[in-house]
Amino acid sequence: MVNYYIKTNRSFTVLRKFGWIFTMLVALGGLWEPKLGLAVIFIMAGLTLTAFFNGRFWCGNICPHGSLFDTLIHPISRNAKIPGFLKSKAMVIGFFLFFMYNFTNRIFAAAQAWGTASFPDRLGMVFARTYLMVLIAGGLLALLTNARTWCQFCPMGTLEKISYKAGKMFKANNETDHRLTIEAKEKCHQCGKCARVCPFQLEPYTNFSDSNQFDDINCIRCGTCVENCPAGILCFQNERNALETQRSTDLEGYRDRQKITARIEEVNELQKDIKEFVFSFISPKILPYKSGQFVLLKLKNPEDTFRAYSIASYDHSGKSMRVIVKKVDKGFGTEQIFNDYKAGQEVELEGPMGDELVLKNHSKHLFIGNGIGMTPFIGLSEEVLAIGSGIDDVKFVHGQRTEEDFLYHEFFKEKERMDERFHYLPVASRPKLTETPKGYVMDRIKEYDLRDYQVYICGSSKMIKDTVALLLEKDVPMSQIFYESEEKIKEIDQIKKEKQSA
């Protein structure tokens, strides 16, 4: 059984990577030098003050124990579902009262030595032993269940929530409270990945407010969901900026998104780990879509999750469509699709979605795809050549590892034979035949003057980043480059800036 929850990098800053050193220093070093425990006083003051203005930000970005759980223990944790009772209000409130009662008693006991030379040591030992207790108990829970299990009922986390509520009551954090924000709910793939990577196993994709913000008080603002969102539509903003983003977001390509009931007409095995699914529409019976868009295919478990797939066909009648699915090793969604989805079954889709790869009005087009990213160019090739007059030249650079990986190879070769405007340019990084050009997609486009082309790219993030950099070097304007990727490519913005400043 594939684990629903994904182990992914949770450390994005130096503080988050190495904050655990402080935990070890205080929890273990404090046994020999108790005064080290006094540093925890500043920790408690810091988290309380931070929470007043920005919720549990400390938990996800500064907490030394959080650094320990995420950096050292998360990679070896079972990463299982956190037991529900550990998240319950009864557990959170009950443990907070129990902890504070015992902690206060120890503080009062240490205070008996006030004014003596031993007082700093006795007080420091209270904090050092508390830190050691969290290290042991939290560490065991992290190993046996999930890295952030302790954090569900951590007394300091509860203290942060109390402070945060006070800040909201006094309206002191209207500007400083940066909550998880979605650019537009219409653009959400509903893939559940934000929930699958969330240290707290929260479910943002099902709980965005009317202002497009995630209001769960337990969100620790760690940014793991932002880093892993396939659509790249998550960020942290205050409510004022979130509403402005909501008003200014361009929904071109997403306004016609709708729920679709379809029947699987065919399942064709293209390769051992790649299948083509042909759908006919039941409701609505006709679905106007554009080549280059994508649809969401609903999974059976969990019922509210989908997987996004590029449309691999061009059907002007709007009665059917094809998608190509590559099985991902230990993939939660593709395991279900490959094993459970058969011809004749009814399935739920949502879409059509996307505008990035939809054809723009132009006479010359360059398609670039590698891996399974070649999928949208099947339909795009059909559509662009069906336009007739006004299209002067179409090039498709198709990159794969070996000849065996060239899906629809004969289809594209036939297009080239039938239409002199279409040029099929395959390239393999590890070819087995001497006649196959060796290299990467960048090697095939270096020889062409592409300044007058509209360029459409789909495939691996690295390929897109490298290709965009090359195109900009060849003086192709960024306004003529369109790309789709499984991940948000931050480096593209840096490439733009560097090009503009050159």
Protein backbone atom coordinates (compact mmCIF):
# COMPACT_ATOMS: atom_id res chain seq x y z
CA MET A 1 0.00 0.00 0.00
CA VAL A 2 1.44 3.38 -1.05
CA ASN A 3 1.61 5.87 1.82
CA TYR A 4 -0.70 8.83 1.26
CA TYR A 5 1.71 11.20 2.99
CA ILE A 6 4.85 12.20 1.10
CA LYS A 7 8.32 12.66 2.52
CA THR A 8 9.65 15.87 1.04
CA ASN A 9 12.17 18.53 1.99
CA ARG A 10 10.88 20.64 4.87
CA SER A 11 13.96 22.79 5.49
CA PHE A 12 14.36 25.89 3.36
CA THR A 13 16.53 28.20 5.49
CA VAL A 14 19.76 27.84 7.45
CA LEU A 15 17.86 28.39 10.70
CA ARG A 16 15.43 25.59 9.96
CA LYS A 17 18.20 23.22 8.91
CA PHE A 18 20.45 23.74 11.91
CA GLY A 19 18.17 25.01 14.67
CA TRP A 20 18.18 21.50 16.17
CA ILE A 21 21.72 22.19 17.46
CA PHE A 22 20.18 24.53 20.04
CA THR A 23 17.86 21.73 21.19
CA MET A 24 20.77 19.37 21.73
CA LEU A 25 22.84 22.05 23.44
CA VAL A 26 20.13 22.90 25.96
CA ALA A 27 18.59 19.45 26.48
CA LEU A 28 21.87 17.56 26.83
CA GLY A 29 24.39 20.27 27.67
CA GLY A 30 22.02 21.63 30.30
CA LEU A 31 22.52 18.47 32.36
CA TRP A 32 26.12 19.56 32.97
CA GLU A 33 25.67 23.33 32.72
CA PRO A 34 22.11 24.09 33.91
CA LYS A 35 22.38 27.81 33.11
CA LEU A 36 22.05 26.89 29.43
CA GLY A 37 18.39 26.22 30.17
CA LEU A 38 17.82 29.91 30.87
CA ALA A 39 18.00 30.52 27.11
CA VAL A 40 14.58 28.85 26.85
CA ILE A 41 13.07 31.89 28.56
CA PHE A 42 13.90 33.89 25.43
CA ILE A 43 12.46 31.10 23.30
CA MET A 44 9.13 31.27 25.15
CA ALA A 45 9.04 35.05 24.94
CA GLY A 46 9.90 34.95 21.24
CA LEU A 47 7.26 32.44 20.25
CA THR A 48 4.57 34.23 22.27
CA LEU A 49 5.38 37.59 20.68
CA THR A 50 5.70 36.15 17.18
CA ALA A 51 2.35 34.36 17.48
CA PHE A 52 0.61 37.60 18.51
CA PHE A 53 1.37 38.98 15.05
CA ASN A 54 1.58 35.91 12.80
CA GLY A 55 0.11 32.78 14.37
CA ARG A 56 2.23 29.63 14.62
CA PHE A 57 4.95 31.01 12.35
CA TRP A 58 7.55 30.17 15.03
CA CYS A 59 6.62 26.48 14.93
CA GLY A 60 7.29 26.19 11.22
CA ASN A 61 10.27 28.48 10.82
CA ILE A 62 12.20 29.05 14.06
CA CYS A 63 11.41 26.35 16.65
CA PRO A 64 14.57 24.33 17.47
CA HIS A 65 12.52 21.22 18.20
CA GLY A 66 10.68 21.68 14.91
CA SER A 67 14.06 21.80 13.19
CA LEU A 68 15.02 18.54 14.91
CA PHE A 69 11.78 16.83 13.89
CA ASP A 70 11.88 18.04 10.26
CA THR A 71 15.60 17.82 9.55
CA LEU A 72 16.82 14.76 11.46
CA ILE A 73 13.78 12.61 12.21
CA HIS A 74 11.43 13.20 9.29
CA PRO A 75 13.64 11.30 6.79
CA ILE A 76 13.53 8.16 8.98
CA SER A 77 10.02 8.58 10.42
CA ARG A 78 7.19 6.25 9.44
CA ASN A 79 5.39 9.39 8.21
CA ALA A 80 2.09 7.74 9.08
CA LYS A 81 -1.26 9.39 9.77
CA ILE A 82 -1.28 11.30 13.05
CA PRO A 83 -3.84 9.73 15.44
CA GLY A 84 -6.96 11.86 15.65
CA PHE A 85 -7.19 11.86 19.44
CA LEU A 86 -3.81 13.59 19.67
CA LYS A 87 -5.30 16.52 17.73
CA SER A 88 -8.53 16.70 19.71
CA LYS A 89 -9.43 19.73 21.82
CA ALA A 90 -9.65 17.52 24.90
CA MET A 91 -6.06 16.36 24.39
CA VAL A 92 -4.71 19.81 23.55
CA ILE A 93 -6.39 21.60 26.44
CA GLY A 94 -5.92 18.77 28.93
CA PHE A 95 -2.20 18.37 28.22
CA PHE A 96 -1.67 22.14 28.29
CA LEU A 97 -3.23 22.38 31.77
CA PHE A 98 -1.29 19.33 32.99
CA PHE A 99 1.98 20.66 31.63
CA MET A 100 1.53 24.19 32.95
CA TYR A 101 0.55 22.91 36.41
CA ASN A 102 3.71 20.79 36.70
CA PHE A 103 5.92 23.40 35.07
CA THR A 104 4.65 26.15 37.41
CA ASN A 105 5.23 23.94 40.45
CA ARG A 106 8.84 23.37 39.37
CA ILE A 107 9.36 27.10 38.81
CA PHE A 108 8.03 27.87 42.31
CA ALA A 109 10.28 25.19 43.78
CA ALA A 110 13.32 26.74 42.07
CA ALA A 111 12.22 30.19 43.24
CA GLN A 112 12.83 29.08 46.84
CA ALA A 113 16.50 29.62 46.10
CA TRP A 114 15.94 33.25 45.03
CA GLY A 115 18.85 35.45 46.06
CA THR A 116 21.28 32.56 46.41
CA ALA A 117 24.11 31.55 44.08
CA SER A 118 22.29 28.34 43.21
CA PHE A 119 19.14 30.05 41.90
CA PRO A 120 20.27 30.41 38.24
CA ASP A 121 21.29 26.77 38.15
CA ARG A 122 18.07 25.54 39.71
CA LEU A 123 15.91 27.66 37.42
CA GLY A 124 17.96 26.72 34.36
CA MET A 125 17.64 23.04 35.21
CA VAL A 126 13.83 23.33 35.09
CA PHE A 127 13.99 24.53 31.50
CA ALA A 128 16.77 22.14 30.49
CA ARG A 129 14.86 19.11 31.79
CA THR A 130 11.71 20.31 30.07
CA TYR A 131 13.63 20.57 26.81
CA LEU A 132 15.05 17.07 27.37
CA MET A 133 11.55 15.71 28.01
CA VAL A 134 10.30 17.15 24.73
CA LEU A 135 13.37 15.78 22.94
CA ILE A 136 12.71 12.25 24.23
CA ALA A 137 8.90 12.15 24.06
CA GLY A 138 8.62 14.15 20.86
CA GLY A 139 11.44 12.19 19.24
CA LEU A 140 9.83 8.84 19.99
CA LEU A 141 6.45 9.99 18.66
CA ALA A 142 8.19 11.36 15.57
CA LEU A 143 9.87 8.03 14.87
CA LEU A 144 6.82 5.85 15.56
CA THR A 145 4.16 7.94 13.80
CA ASN A 146 4.90 11.29 12.18
CA ALA A 147 7.68 13.85 12.63
CA ARG A 148 5.30 16.53 13.90
CA THR A 149 3.09 14.38 16.14
CA TRP A 150 4.26 16.10 19.35
CA CYS A 151 3.45 19.49 17.85
CA GLN A 152 -0.25 18.63 17.71
CA PHE A 153 -0.56 19.07 21.48
CA CYS A 154 2.67 20.90 22.30
CA PRO A 155 1.98 23.35 25.17
CA MET A 156 4.06 26.02 23.46
CA GLY A 157 1.95 25.59 20.35
CA THR A 158 -1.17 26.08 22.46
CA LEU A 159 0.41 29.17 23.99
CA GLU A 160 1.00 30.49 20.47
CA LYS A 161 -2.65 29.96 19.56
CA ILE A 162 -3.76 31.85 22.67
CA SER A 163 -1.43 34.72 21.81
CA TYR A 164 -2.60 34.72 18.17
CA LYS A 165 -6.24 34.94 19.20
CA ALA A 166 -5.39 37.86 21.46
CA GLY A 167 -3.72 39.59 18.53
CA LYS A 168 -6.83 39.09 16.40
CA MET A 169 -9.08 40.31 19.19
CA PHE A 170 -7.13 43.57 19.43
CA LYS A 171 -6.83 43.73 15.61
CA ALA A 172 -3.08 43.99 16.02
CA ASN A 173 -2.18 41.50 13.29
CA ASN A 174 -4.34 42.59 10.34
CA GLU A 175 -1.24 43.54 8.34
CA THR A 176 1.29 41.13 9.83
CA ASP A 177 -0.79 37.94 9.75
CA HIS A 178 0.43 36.27 6.56
CA ARG A 179 -1.74 33.22 5.95
CA LEU A 180 -1.55 30.62 3.22
CA THR A 181 -3.21 32.13 0.16
CA ILE A 182 -4.32 30.60 -3.13
CA GLU A 183 -4.09 32.71 -6.26
CA ALA A 184 -7.51 31.49 -7.42
CA LYS A 185 -9.57 28.50 -6.35
CA GLU A 186 -10.46 27.94 -10.00
CA LYS A 187 -6.80 27.10 -10.70
CA CYS A 188 -6.47 24.47 -7.95
CA HIS A 189 -5.76 20.97 -9.28
CA GLN A 190 -7.35 19.44 -6.16
CA CYS A 191 -4.52 16.93 -6.20
CA GLY A 192 -4.26 17.01 -2.41
CA LYS A 193 -0.49 17.41 -2.54
CA CYS A 194 -0.61 20.33 -0.10
CA ALA A 195 -2.23 17.93 2.38
CA ARG A 196 0.14 15.06 1.57
CA VAL A 197 3.26 17.12 2.35
CA CYS A 198 1.84 19.18 5.23
CA PRO A 199 3.74 18.47 8.48
CA PHE A 200 0.47 18.85 10.37
CA GLN A 201 -1.55 16.88 7.80
CA LEU A 202 -3.94 19.77 7.28
CA GLU A 203 -5.98 19.98 4.06
CA PRO A 204 -5.72 23.48 2.58
CA TYR A 205 -7.12 22.52 -0.84
CA THR A 206 -10.55 21.83 0.65
CA ASN A 207 -10.67 24.75 3.09
CA PHE A 208 -9.84 28.05 1.40
CA SER A 209 -12.09 30.91 2.52
CA ASP A 210 -13.95 33.40 0.31
CA SER A 211 -10.85 35.60 0.49
CA ASN A 212 -8.80 32.66 -0.86
CA GLN A 213 -7.00 32.16 2.45
CA PHE A 214 -6.45 29.12 4.65
CA ASP A 215 -7.65 30.10 8.11
CA ASP A 216 -6.78 26.98 10.12
CA ILE A 217 -5.17 28.19 13.35
CA ASN A 218 -2.85 25.17 13.36
CA CYS A 219 -1.09 26.17 10.12
CA ILE A 220 2.58 26.70 11.00
CA ARG A 221 3.40 28.79 7.90
CA CYS A 222 6.30 26.49 7.03
CA GLY A 223 5.83 26.88 3.28
CA THR A 224 6.14 23.16 2.49
CA CYS A 225 2.85 23.26 0.58
CA VAL A 226 3.97 26.37 -1.32
CA GLU A 227 7.22 24.67 -2.38
CA ASN A 228 5.40 21.52 -3.53
CA CYS A 229 2.23 22.88 -5.18
CA PRO A 230 2.20 21.51 -8.77
CA ALA A 231 0.21 24.51 -9.99
CA GLY A 232 2.49 27.05 -8.27
CA ILE A 233 -0.49 29.08 -7.05
CA LEU A 234 0.18 29.23 -3.30
CA CYS A 235 1.91 31.94 -1.28
CA PHE A 236 1.65 33.76 2.06
CA GLN A 237 -0.17 37.11 2.18
CA ASN A 238 -2.15 39.23 4.59
CA GLU A 239 -5.87 39.52 3.92
CA ARG A 240 -5.65 42.88 2.14
CA ASN A 241 -3.07 41.60 -0.35
CA ALA A 242 -4.96 38.31 -0.75
CA LEU A 243 -8.10 40.18 -1.83
CA GLU A 244 -6.06 42.26 -4.27
CA THR A 245 -4.57 39.08 -5.72
CA GLN A 246 -8.05 37.62 -6.03
CA ARG A 247 -9.25 40.68 -7.97
CA SER A 248 -6.23 40.89 -10.27
CA THR A 249 -5.74 37.21 -11.15
CA ASP A 250 -6.27 36.39 -14.81
CA LEU A 251 -8.65 33.44 -15.11
CA GLU A 252 -8.30 33.02 -18.87
CA GLY A 253 -8.46 29.30 -19.57
CA TYR A 254 -10.12 28.52 -16.23
CA ARG A 255 -13.53 30.22 -16.44
CA ASP A 256 -15.09 27.28 -18.30
CA ARG A 257 -14.02 24.70 -15.72
CA GLN A 258 -16.91 22.36 -14.96
CA LYS A 259 -17.71 18.94 -13.57
CA ILE A 260 -17.82 16.24 -16.22
CA THR A 261 -19.14 12.69 -16.28
CA ALA A 262 -17.37 10.55 -18.87
CA ARG A 263 -17.03 6.94 -19.94
CA ILE A 264 -13.71 5.22 -20.53
CA GLU A 265 -14.06 3.95 -24.11
CA GLU A 266 -10.55 2.55 -24.55
CA VAL A 267 -7.44 1.84 -22.51
CA ASN A 268 -4.39 1.41 -24.73
CA GLU A 269 -1.02 0.31 -23.37
CA LEU A 270 1.57 2.43 -25.17
CA GLN A 271 4.47 1.18 -23.08
CA LYS A 272 4.84 -0.94 -19.97
CA ASP A 273 4.37 2.07 -17.70
CA ILE A 274 2.32 4.33 -20.01
CA LYS A 275 -1.35 4.03 -20.89
CA GLU A 276 -3.67 6.06 -23.09
CA PHE A 277 -7.24 6.58 -21.88
CA VAL A 278 -9.97 7.56 -24.35
CA PHE A 279 -13.02 9.26 -22.79
CA SER A 280 -16.45 9.96 -24.29
CA PHE A 281 -18.53 12.62 -22.57
CA ILE A 282 -21.84 11.76 -20.91
CA SER A 283 -22.62 15.01 -19.10
CA PRO A 284 -22.21 17.41 -20.74
CA LYS A 285 -22.37 15.48 -24.01
CA ILE A 286 -20.25 18.08 -25.76
CA LEU A 287 -17.29 19.74 -24.07
CA PRO A 288 -15.56 22.53 -25.99
CA TYR A 289 -11.87 22.33 -25.14
CA LYS A 290 -8.65 23.53 -26.68
CA SER A 291 -5.56 21.51 -27.42
CA GLY A 292 -2.90 22.35 -24.87
CA GLN A 293 -5.37 22.45 -21.99
CA PHE A 294 -5.61 19.79 -19.28
CA VAL A 295 -8.31 18.00 -17.30
CA LEU A 296 -8.53 16.61 -13.80
CA LEU A 297 -9.32 12.91 -13.34
CA LYS A 298 -10.97 12.08 -10.03
CA LEU A 299 -9.42 9.36 -7.88
CA LYS A 300 -11.44 6.80 -5.99
CA ASN A 301 -9.50 7.28 -2.75
CA PRO A 302 -9.54 9.85 -1.23
CA GLU A 303 -12.75 10.80 -3.00
CA ASP A 304 -12.05 14.54 -3.14
CA THR A 305 -8.68 14.28 -4.92
CA PHE A 306 -7.82 14.50 -8.61
CA ARG A 307 -4.84 14.11 -10.93
CA ALA A 308 -4.12 16.58 -13.73
CA TYR A 309 -3.38 15.32 -17.25
CA SER A 310 -2.72 17.17 -20.49
CA ILE A 311 -5.27 16.61 -23.23
CA ALA A 312 -3.59 14.53 -25.94
CA SER A 313 -6.16 14.99 -28.68
CA TYR A 314 -7.87 17.46 -30.97
CA ASP A 315 -11.59 16.81 -31.45
CA HIS A 316 -13.46 19.74 -33.00
CA SER A 317 -16.78 18.00 -32.24
CA GLY A 318 -16.04 18.11 -28.50
CA LYS A 319 -17.45 14.63 -27.88
CA SER A 320 -14.31 12.82 -26.71
CA MET A 321 -10.73 13.28 -25.57
CA ARG A 322 -7.57 11.30 -24.87
CA VAL A 323 -5.08 11.58 -22.02
CA ILE A 324 -1.81 9.72 -21.56
CA VAL A 325 -0.84 8.57 -18.08
CA LYS A 326 2.66 7.57 -17.05
CA LYS A 327 2.84 5.32 -14.01
CA VAL A 328 4.93 6.85 -11.24
CA ASP A 329 6.90 4.50 -9.02
CA LYS A 330 4.98 4.33 -5.72
CA GLY A 331 2.65 7.01 -7.07
CA PHE A 332 -0.51 7.25 -4.99
CA GLY A 333 -2.69 8.33 -7.92
CA THR A 334 -1.25 6.42 -10.86
CA GLU A 335 -1.31 3.14 -8.90
CA GLN A 336 -5.10 3.51 -8.67
CA ILE A 337 -5.53 4.62 -12.28
CA PHE A 338 -3.43 1.77 -13.71
CA ASN A 339 -4.98 -0.92 -11.52
CA ASP A 340 -8.62 0.16 -11.19
CA TYR A 341 -9.67 2.16 -14.25
CA LYS A 342 -11.03 -0.07 -17.03
CA ALA A 343 -12.85 0.40 -20.33
CA GLY A 344 -16.61 0.83 -19.83
CA GLN A 345 -16.36 2.53 -16.44
CA GLU A 346 -17.79 5.95 -15.74
CA VAL A 347 -15.42 8.48 -14.21
CA GLU A 348 -15.56 12.08 -13.05
CA LEU A 349 -13.46 14.78 -14.66
CA GLU A 350 -13.12 18.51 -14.16
CA GLY A 351 -12.03 21.01 -16.76
CA PRO A 352 -11.02 22.05 -19.28
CA MET A 353 -8.26 24.10 -17.65
CA GLY A 354 -5.17 26.03 -18.61
CA ASP A 355 -4.12 28.68 -21.08
CA GLU A 356 -0.31 28.35 -21.05
CA LEU A 357 -0.07 26.00 -24.06
CA VAL A 358 -3.17 27.09 -25.94
CA LEU A 359 -2.29 28.24 -29.47
CA LYS A 360 -1.74 31.96 -29.91
CA ASN A 361 -2.41 33.77 -33.17
CA HIS A 362 0.90 33.52 -35.02
CA SER A 363 2.32 32.17 -38.27
CA LYS A 364 5.32 30.26 -36.86
CA HIS A 365 5.22 27.84 -33.94
CA LEU A 366 7.89 25.84 -32.12
CA PHE A 367 6.83 22.95 -29.88
CA ILE A 368 9.36 21.54 -27.42
CA GLY A 369 8.62 18.50 -25.25
CA ASN A 370 10.53 15.80 -23.42
CA GLY A 371 9.44 12.75 -21.46
CA ILE A 372 5.69 12.56 -20.95
CA GLY A 373 5.67 16.31 -21.60
CA MET A 374 5.25 15.55 -25.31
CA THR A 375 1.58 14.73 -24.65
CA PRO A 376 -0.07 18.10 -25.39
CA PHE A 377 1.74 18.40 -28.72
CA ILE A 378 -0.25 15.52 -30.19
CA GLY A 379 -3.41 17.60 -30.21
CA LEU A 380 -1.59 20.87 -30.82
CA SER A 381 0.04 19.47 -33.97
CA GLU A 382 -3.35 18.42 -35.31
CA GLU A 383 -4.99 21.71 -34.44
CA VAL A 384 -2.31 24.04 -35.80
CA LEU A 385 -2.15 22.22 -39.13
CA ALA A 386 -5.94 22.20 -39.39
CA ILE A 387 -5.94 26.01 -39.38
CA GLY A 388 -4.80 26.09 -43.00
CA SER A 389 -3.75 29.47 -44.36
CA GLY A 390 -1.88 31.72 -41.95
CA ILE A 391 0.45 29.01 -40.65
CA ASP A 392 3.86 29.11 -42.32
CA ASP A 393 6.03 26.81 -40.21
CA VAL A 394 5.64 24.38 -37.29
CA LYS A 395 8.56 22.61 -35.63
CA PHE A 396 8.28 19.94 -32.96
CA VAL A 397 11.45 19.09 -31.02
CA HIS A 398 10.79 15.78 -29.26
CA GLY A 399 13.37 14.71 -26.69
CA GLN A 400 13.60 11.28 -25.06
CA ARG A 401 16.28 8.94 -23.70
CA THR A 402 16.10 6.24 -26.37
CA GLU A 403 14.10 5.50 -29.52
CA GLU A 404 11.83 3.19 -27.51
CA ASP A 405 10.59 6.20 -25.55
CA PHE A 406 9.25 8.11 -28.58
CA LEU A 407 5.50 7.94 -28.11
CA TYR A 408 3.44 8.69 -31.24
CA HIS A 409 6.64 8.62 -33.27
CA GLU A 410 4.93 7.39 -36.46
CA PHE A 411 2.10 9.87 -35.93
CA PHE A 412 4.49 12.82 -36.02
CA LYS A 413 6.49 11.38 -38.91
CA GLU A 414 3.26 11.02 -40.89
CA LYS A 415 2.39 14.64 -40.13
CA GLU A 416 5.74 15.66 -41.55
CA ARG A 417 5.17 13.57 -44.72
CA MET A 418 1.68 14.93 -45.27
CA ASP A 419 2.30 18.62 -44.58
CA GLU A 420 5.44 20.46 -45.69
CA ARG A 421 4.87 23.09 -43.00
CA PHE A 422 5.47 20.55 -40.22
CA HIS A 423 9.01 19.56 -39.20
CA TYR A 424 9.51 16.71 -36.75
CA LEU A 425 12.84 16.92 -34.90
CA PRO A 426 13.38 13.93 -32.56
CA VAL A 427 16.48 13.75 -30.38
CA ALA A 428 17.62 11.09 -27.90
CA SER A 429 20.13 11.49 -25.10
CA ARG A 430 21.06 7.79 -25.29
CA PRO A 431 20.21 6.65 -28.84
CA LYS A 432 20.65 3.03 -29.87
CA LEU A 433 20.57 3.75 -33.62
CA THR A 434 23.19 5.78 -35.44
CA GLU A 435 20.61 7.65 -37.53
CA THR A 436 18.93 9.10 -34.42
CA PRO A 437 20.29 12.55 -33.50
CA LYS A 438 22.05 12.41 -30.13
CA GLY A 439 21.67 15.10 -27.49
CA TYR A 440 18.99 17.13 -25.78
CA VAL A 441 16.25 19.41 -27.05
CA MET A 442 18.53 22.44 -26.61
CA ASP A 443 20.98 20.86 -29.09
CA ARG A 444 18.27 20.67 -31.77
CA ILE A 445 17.16 24.29 -31.46
CA LYS A 446 20.61 25.89 -31.38
CA GLU A 447 20.88 25.81 -35.15
CA TYR A 448 17.67 27.75 -35.86
CA ASP A 449 16.81 31.44 -35.86
CA LEU A 450 13.70 31.43 -33.67
CA ARG A 451 13.06 35.13 -33.10
CA ASP A 452 9.81 35.05 -35.12
CA TYR A 453 8.40 31.92 -33.44
CA GLN A 454 5.87 31.41 -30.70
CA VAL A 455 7.46 28.77 -28.45
CA TYR A 456 5.53 26.23 -26.36
CA ILE A 457 7.42 24.02 -23.88
CA CYS A 458 6.29 21.11 -21.72
CA GLY A 459 8.39 18.59 -19.79
CA SER A 460 10.86 18.40 -16.95
CA SER A 461 11.59 21.51 -14.90
CA LYS A 462 15.30 21.38 -15.72
CA MET A 463 14.64 21.15 -19.44
CA ILE A 464 12.26 24.10 -19.33
CA LYS A 465 14.66 26.22 -17.31
CA ASP A 466 17.61 25.45 -19.61
CA THR A 467 15.54 25.90 -22.76
CA VAL A 468 14.12 29.26 -21.68
CA ALA A 469 17.65 30.47 -20.88
CA LEU A 470 18.82 29.40 -24.35
CA LEU A 471 15.86 31.01 -26.10
CA LEU A 472 16.49 34.30 -24.34
CA GLU A 473 20.13 34.13 -25.41
CA LYS A 474 18.88 33.68 -28.97
CA ASP A 475 16.83 36.91 -28.59
CA VAL A 476 13.43 35.23 -28.45
CA PRO A 477 11.24 37.63 -26.41
CA MET A 478 9.84 36.25 -23.17
CA SER A 479 6.41 37.33 -24.39
CA GLN A 480 6.70 34.63 -27.09
CA ILE A 481 7.63 31.78 -24.72
CA PHE A 482 4.93 29.69 -23.05
CA TYR A 483 5.58 26.72 -20.80
CA GLU A 484 3.89 24.19 -18.59
CA SER A 485 5.65 22.18 -15.91
CA GLU A 486 4.83 19.84 -13.07
CA GLU A 487 6.57 22.22 -10.70
CA LYS A 488 6.77 25.95 -10.22
CA ILE A 489 10.00 27.12 -11.83
CA LYS A 490 11.31 30.01 -9.75
CA GLU A 491 14.52 30.22 -11.74
CA ILE A 492 12.58 31.51 -14.77
CA ASP A 493 11.95 34.83 -12.99
CA GLN A 494 15.66 35.15 -12.24
CA ILE A 495 16.48 34.41 -15.88
CA LYS A 496 14.10 37.18 -16.95
CA LYS A 497 15.69 39.67 -14.57
CA GLU A 498 19.19 38.79 -15.71
CA LYS A 499 18.18 39.17 -19.35
CA GLN A 500 16.54 42.54 -18.71
CA SER A 501 19.57 43.90 -16.85
CA ALA A 502 22.07 42.66 -19.46
